[in-house]
Amino acid sequence: MKTLFALLLFIAAVSPLAADEPLRLTLRDHKFVPEQIEAPAHVKFKLLIKNDSAGTIEWESDELDREEVIEPGEERGIFLGPLDPGNYPFYDDRHQATKGLLIVK
């Protein structure tokens, strides 16, 4: 029983439940910067999205079932995860040619 408890404590210590630093994403000139971002699998994390454009954007991901309306000059934080490894596309719903990709490893 003590061995199992020690093992569970070790796993909890080395497996973070949330990422320490937020991921950052900026929309500028109808492009996401960067266009691809990486996140850790099986961990909750914060994504900070900054709208560095003159118009309102609607960050959206069908695969993540999330959308956020972000006004010009505004930065919005959203929590995602824990997610399984894979690729999660996102886009600006108001300018659908503006696309990006979240890669979870």
N, C-alpha and C. Protein backbone atom coordinates (compact mmCIF):
# COMPACT_ATOMS: atom_id res chain seq x y z
N MET A 1 0.83 -1.19 0.00
CA MET A 1 0.00 0.00 0.00
C MET A 1 0.87 1.26 0.00
N LYS A 2 1.94 1.26 0.81
CA LYS A 2 2.83 2.41 0.83
C LYS A 2 3.51 2.62 -0.52
N THR A 3 3.84 1.53 -1.20
CA THR A 3 4.49 1.62 -2.50
C THR A 3 3.55 2.25 -3.52
N LEU A 4 2.30 1.85 -3.50
CA LEU A 4 1.32 2.42 -4.42
C LEU A 4 1.13 3.91 -4.14
N PHE A 5 1.02 4.26 -2.88
CA PHE A 5 0.86 5.68 -2.52
C PHE A 5 2.08 6.49 -2.97
N ALA A 6 3.27 5.95 -2.76
CA ALA A 6 4.49 6.65 -3.18
C ALA A 6 4.53 6.80 -4.70
N LEU A 7 4.10 5.78 -5.43
CA LEU A 7 4.07 5.84 -6.88
C LEU A 7 3.08 6.90 -7.36
N LEU A 8 1.92 6.98 -6.74
CA LEU A 8 0.93 7.99 -7.11
C LEU A 8 1.43 9.40 -6.82
N LEU A 9 2.12 9.58 -5.70
CA LEU A 9 2.71 10.88 -5.39
C LEU A 9 3.77 11.26 -6.41
N PHE A 10 4.57 10.30 -6.82
CA PHE A 10 5.62 10.56 -7.82
C PHE A 10 4.99 10.96 -9.15
N ILE A 11 3.98 10.24 -9.58
CA ILE A 11 3.31 10.55 -10.85
C ILE A 11 2.70 11.94 -10.79
N ALA A 12 2.07 12.29 -9.69
CA ALA A 12 1.47 13.61 -9.55
C ALA A 12 2.54 14.71 -9.58
N ALA A 13 3.70 14.42 -9.03
CA ALA A 13 4.77 15.41 -8.99
C ALA A 13 5.39 15.66 -10.36
N VAL A 14 5.52 14.62 -11.19
CA VAL A 14 6.17 14.77 -12.48
C VAL A 14 5.20 15.00 -13.63
N SER A 15 3.91 14.89 -13.39
CA SER A 15 2.91 15.10 -14.43
C SER A 15 2.10 16.35 -14.11
N PRO A 16 2.46 17.47 -14.72
CA PRO A 16 1.72 18.70 -14.42
C PRO A 16 0.28 18.60 -14.90
N LEU A 17 -0.63 19.17 -14.12
CA LEU A 17 -2.03 19.19 -14.51
C LEU A 17 -2.33 20.39 -15.39
N ALA A 18 -1.45 21.37 -15.37
CA ALA A 18 -1.62 22.56 -16.20
C ALA A 18 -0.25 23.06 -16.64
N ALA A 19 -0.17 23.56 -17.85
CA ALA A 19 1.08 24.12 -18.35
C ALA A 19 1.38 25.41 -17.59
N ASP A 20 2.66 25.66 -17.34
CA ASP A 20 3.07 26.83 -16.56
C ASP A 20 2.90 28.13 -17.34
N GLU A 21 3.33 28.15 -18.58
CA GLU A 21 3.32 29.37 -19.39
C GLU A 21 2.21 29.30 -20.43
N PRO A 22 1.51 30.41 -20.65
CA PRO A 22 0.48 30.40 -21.69
C PRO A 22 1.12 30.39 -23.08
N LEU A 23 0.38 29.87 -24.03
CA LEU A 23 0.77 29.95 -25.43
C LEU A 23 0.24 31.27 -25.96
N ARG A 24 0.98 31.89 -26.86
CA ARG A 24 0.59 33.20 -27.39
C ARG A 24 0.36 33.13 -28.89
N LEU A 25 -0.70 33.81 -29.31
CA LEU A 25 -1.09 33.83 -30.71
C LEU A 25 -1.57 35.25 -31.01
N THR A 26 -1.12 35.81 -32.14
CA THR A 26 -1.52 37.15 -32.54
C THR A 26 -2.12 37.11 -33.94
N LEU A 27 -3.19 37.84 -34.14
CA LEU A 27 -3.74 37.99 -35.49
C LEU A 27 -3.33 39.37 -35.99
N ARG A 28 -2.60 39.37 -37.11
CA ARG A 28 -2.09 40.61 -37.71
C ARG A 28 -2.19 40.48 -39.23
N ASP A 29 -2.77 41.48 -39.88
CA ASP A 29 -2.90 41.49 -41.34
C ASP A 29 -3.54 40.22 -41.88
N HIS A 30 -4.59 39.76 -41.23
CA HIS A 30 -5.33 38.55 -41.62
C HIS A 30 -4.46 37.30 -41.60
N LYS A 31 -3.46 37.26 -40.70
CA LYS A 31 -2.61 36.07 -40.53
C LYS A 31 -2.38 35.84 -39.05
N PHE A 32 -2.39 34.57 -38.67
CA PHE A 32 -2.02 34.22 -37.30
C PHE A 32 -0.51 34.16 -37.20
N VAL A 33 0.03 34.72 -36.15
CA VAL A 33 1.47 34.71 -35.90
C VAL A 33 1.68 34.11 -34.52
N PRO A 34 2.29 32.92 -34.43
CA PRO A 34 2.68 32.06 -35.54
C PRO A 34 1.46 31.32 -36.10
N GLU A 35 1.62 30.75 -37.30
CA GLU A 35 0.52 30.02 -37.93
C GLU A 35 0.31 28.65 -37.27
N GLN A 36 1.38 28.10 -36.69
CA GLN A 36 1.29 26.83 -35.97
C GLN A 36 1.84 27.01 -34.57
N ILE A 37 1.12 26.45 -33.60
CA ILE A 37 1.59 26.47 -32.23
C ILE A 37 1.52 25.05 -31.68
N GLU A 38 2.42 24.75 -30.76
CA GLU A 38 2.45 23.42 -30.15
C GLU A 38 2.06 23.51 -28.69
N ALA A 39 1.32 22.50 -28.26
CA ALA A 39 0.88 22.42 -26.86
C ALA A 39 1.14 21.00 -26.35
N PRO A 40 1.31 20.86 -25.05
CA PRO A 40 1.52 19.54 -24.48
C PRO A 40 0.21 18.74 -24.43
N ALA A 41 0.31 17.45 -24.67
CA ALA A 41 -0.85 16.57 -24.60
C ALA A 41 -1.22 16.32 -23.14
N HIS A 42 -2.50 16.09 -22.91
CA HIS A 42 -3.04 15.67 -21.62
C HIS A 42 -2.80 16.69 -20.50
N VAL A 43 -2.67 17.97 -20.88
CA VAL A 43 -2.42 19.03 -19.91
C VAL A 43 -3.33 20.21 -20.23
N LYS A 44 -3.92 20.80 -19.23
CA LYS A 44 -4.71 22.02 -19.44
C LYS A 44 -3.72 23.17 -19.64
N PHE A 45 -4.04 24.05 -20.60
CA PHE A 45 -3.16 25.17 -20.87
C PHE A 45 -3.98 26.40 -21.25
N LYS A 46 -3.32 27.55 -21.15
CA LYS A 46 -3.97 28.81 -21.50
C LYS A 46 -3.43 29.29 -22.83
N LEU A 47 -4.34 29.69 -23.71
CA LEU A 47 -3.98 30.27 -24.99
C LEU A 47 -4.37 31.75 -24.95
N LEU A 48 -3.38 32.63 -25.12
CA LEU A 48 -3.63 34.06 -25.19
C LEU A 48 -3.67 34.47 -26.65
N ILE A 49 -4.80 35.04 -27.06
CA ILE A 49 -4.99 35.46 -28.44
C ILE A 49 -5.09 36.98 -28.46
N LYS A 50 -4.21 37.62 -29.21
CA LYS A 50 -4.22 39.08 -29.32
C LYS A 50 -4.68 39.47 -30.72
N ASN A 51 -5.62 40.39 -30.77
CA ASN A 51 -6.11 40.92 -32.04
C ASN A 51 -5.35 42.20 -32.33
N ASP A 52 -4.33 42.09 -33.15
CA ASP A 52 -3.51 43.24 -33.52
C ASP A 52 -3.92 43.72 -34.92
N SER A 53 -5.22 43.86 -35.11
CA SER A 53 -5.76 44.31 -36.40
C SER A 53 -6.82 45.37 -36.15
N ALA A 54 -7.31 45.96 -37.21
CA ALA A 54 -8.28 47.05 -37.10
C ALA A 54 -9.72 46.56 -36.93
N GLY A 55 -9.97 45.28 -37.23
CA GLY A 55 -11.34 44.78 -37.17
C GLY A 55 -11.52 43.71 -36.11
N THR A 56 -12.75 43.46 -35.76
CA THR A 56 -13.10 42.40 -34.82
C THR A 56 -12.82 41.05 -35.46
N ILE A 57 -12.28 40.12 -34.68
CA ILE A 57 -12.06 38.76 -35.18
C ILE A 57 -12.91 37.78 -34.37
N GLU A 58 -13.12 36.62 -34.95
CA GLU A 58 -13.82 35.55 -34.26
C GLU A 58 -12.98 34.29 -34.38
N TRP A 59 -12.10 34.09 -33.37
CA TRP A 59 -11.25 32.91 -33.35
C TRP A 59 -12.15 31.71 -33.14
N GLU A 60 -11.98 30.69 -33.99
CA GLU A 60 -12.88 29.53 -33.91
C GLU A 60 -12.14 28.25 -34.27
N SER A 61 -12.54 27.17 -33.60
CA SER A 61 -12.05 25.83 -33.92
C SER A 61 -13.21 24.86 -33.81
N ASP A 62 -13.55 24.24 -34.93
CA ASP A 62 -14.62 23.24 -34.93
C ASP A 62 -14.23 22.02 -34.11
N GLU A 63 -12.97 21.59 -34.24
CA GLU A 63 -12.49 20.41 -33.54
C GLU A 63 -12.46 20.61 -32.03
N LEU A 64 -12.20 21.83 -31.59
CA LEU A 64 -12.16 22.13 -30.16
C LEU A 64 -13.51 22.61 -29.64
N ASP A 65 -14.46 22.85 -30.56
CA ASP A 65 -15.80 23.34 -30.22
C ASP A 65 -15.71 24.61 -29.39
N ARG A 66 -14.85 25.55 -29.87
CA ARG A 66 -14.63 26.82 -29.17
C ARG A 66 -14.66 27.97 -30.14
N GLU A 67 -15.13 29.10 -29.67
CA GLU A 67 -15.03 30.33 -30.44
C GLU A 67 -14.97 31.51 -29.47
N GLU A 68 -14.24 32.53 -29.87
CA GLU A 68 -14.07 33.73 -29.05
C GLU A 68 -14.08 34.94 -29.96
N VAL A 69 -14.90 35.92 -29.64
CA VAL A 69 -14.93 37.19 -30.36
C VAL A 69 -13.94 38.11 -29.66
N ILE A 70 -13.02 38.69 -30.44
CA ILE A 70 -11.96 39.51 -29.87
C ILE A 70 -11.91 40.84 -30.63
N GLU A 71 -12.09 41.90 -29.90
CA GLU A 71 -12.12 43.24 -30.48
C GLU A 71 -10.71 43.72 -30.82
N PRO A 72 -10.58 44.73 -31.69
CA PRO A 72 -9.27 45.26 -32.05
C PRO A 72 -8.49 45.72 -30.81
N GLY A 73 -7.21 45.33 -30.76
CA GLY A 73 -6.35 45.70 -29.65
C GLY A 73 -6.53 44.86 -28.39
N GLU A 74 -7.53 44.01 -28.36
CA GLU A 74 -7.83 43.19 -27.18
C GLU A 74 -7.02 41.90 -27.19
N GLU A 75 -6.69 41.43 -26.00
CA GLU A 75 -6.07 40.11 -25.83
C GLU A 75 -6.98 39.30 -24.94
N ARG A 76 -7.31 38.10 -25.38
CA ARG A 76 -8.23 37.24 -24.66
C ARG A 76 -7.54 35.93 -24.32
N GLY A 77 -7.69 35.48 -23.10
CA GLY A 77 -7.14 34.20 -22.68
C GLY A 77 -8.24 33.15 -22.61
N ILE A 78 -7.96 31.99 -23.17
CA ILE A 78 -8.91 30.87 -23.07
C ILE A 78 -8.15 29.65 -22.59
N PHE A 79 -8.82 28.83 -21.81
CA PHE A 79 -8.21 27.59 -21.34
C PHE A 79 -8.67 26.45 -22.23
N LEU A 80 -7.71 25.62 -22.61
CA LEU A 80 -7.98 24.44 -23.44
C LEU A 80 -7.36 23.23 -22.77
N GLY A 81 -7.89 22.06 -23.12
CA GLY A 81 -7.31 20.82 -22.65
C GLY A 81 -7.97 20.34 -21.38
N PRO A 82 -7.44 19.21 -20.94
CA PRO A 82 -6.38 18.41 -21.55
C PRO A 82 -6.85 17.81 -22.88
N LEU A 83 -5.94 17.80 -23.85
CA LEU A 83 -6.24 17.31 -25.20
C LEU A 83 -5.39 16.09 -25.53
N ASP A 84 -5.93 15.22 -26.36
CA ASP A 84 -5.17 14.10 -26.89
C ASP A 84 -4.22 14.61 -27.96
N PRO A 85 -3.13 13.90 -28.21
CA PRO A 85 -2.23 14.30 -29.29
C PRO A 85 -2.99 14.37 -30.62
N GLY A 86 -2.63 15.34 -31.44
CA GLY A 86 -3.27 15.50 -32.73
C GLY A 86 -3.18 16.93 -33.22
N ASN A 87 -3.83 17.16 -34.35
CA ASN A 87 -3.84 18.49 -34.98
C ASN A 87 -5.24 19.08 -34.84
N TYR A 88 -5.28 20.33 -34.42
CA TYR A 88 -6.54 21.03 -34.19
C TYR A 88 -6.51 22.35 -34.96
N PRO A 89 -7.12 22.39 -36.14
CA PRO A 89 -7.14 23.62 -36.93
C PRO A 89 -8.00 24.70 -36.26
N PHE A 90 -7.66 25.95 -36.52
CA PHE A 90 -8.46 27.07 -36.08
C PHE A 90 -8.44 28.13 -37.17
N TYR A 91 -9.36 29.10 -37.09
CA TYR A 91 -9.48 30.11 -38.14
C TYR A 91 -10.20 31.33 -37.59
N ASP A 92 -10.19 32.41 -38.36
CA ASP A 92 -10.97 33.60 -38.06
C ASP A 92 -12.28 33.45 -38.83
N ASP A 93 -13.37 33.27 -38.14
CA ASP A 93 -14.66 33.02 -38.79
C ASP A 93 -15.11 34.20 -39.65
N ARG A 94 -14.60 35.38 -39.37
CA ARG A 94 -14.97 36.55 -40.17
C ARG A 94 -14.11 36.70 -41.42
N HIS A 95 -13.00 36.00 -41.47
CA HIS A 95 -12.10 35.95 -42.63
C HIS A 95 -11.60 34.50 -42.73
N GLN A 96 -12.39 33.62 -43.31
CA GLN A 96 -12.13 32.19 -43.21
C GLN A 96 -10.88 31.73 -43.92
N ALA A 97 -10.27 32.58 -44.74
CA ALA A 97 -8.99 32.22 -45.34
C ALA A 97 -7.84 32.32 -44.32
N THR A 98 -8.12 32.97 -43.18
CA THR A 98 -7.12 33.14 -42.12
C THR A 98 -7.16 31.89 -41.25
N LYS A 99 -6.13 31.03 -41.41
CA LYS A 99 -6.13 29.74 -40.73
C LYS A 99 -4.85 29.54 -39.94
N GLY A 100 -4.95 28.67 -38.94
CA GLY A 100 -3.80 28.28 -38.15
C GLY A 100 -3.98 26.85 -37.66
N LEU A 101 -2.97 26.35 -36.96
CA LEU A 101 -3.02 24.96 -36.51
C LEU A 101 -2.40 24.82 -35.14
N LEU A 102 -3.15 24.18 -34.23
CA LEU A 102 -2.66 23.80 -32.91
C LEU A 102 -2.21 22.35 -33.00
N ILE A 103 -0.93 22.10 -32.71
CA ILE A 103 -0.38 20.75 -32.75
C ILE A 103 -0.16 20.31 -31.31
N VAL A 104 -0.83 19.25 -30.92
CA VAL A 104 -0.72 18.75 -29.55
C VAL A 104 0.14 17.50 -29.58
N LYS A 105 1.22 17.54 -28.80
CA LYS A 105 2.16 16.40 -28.74
C LYS A 105 2.28 15.87 -27.33
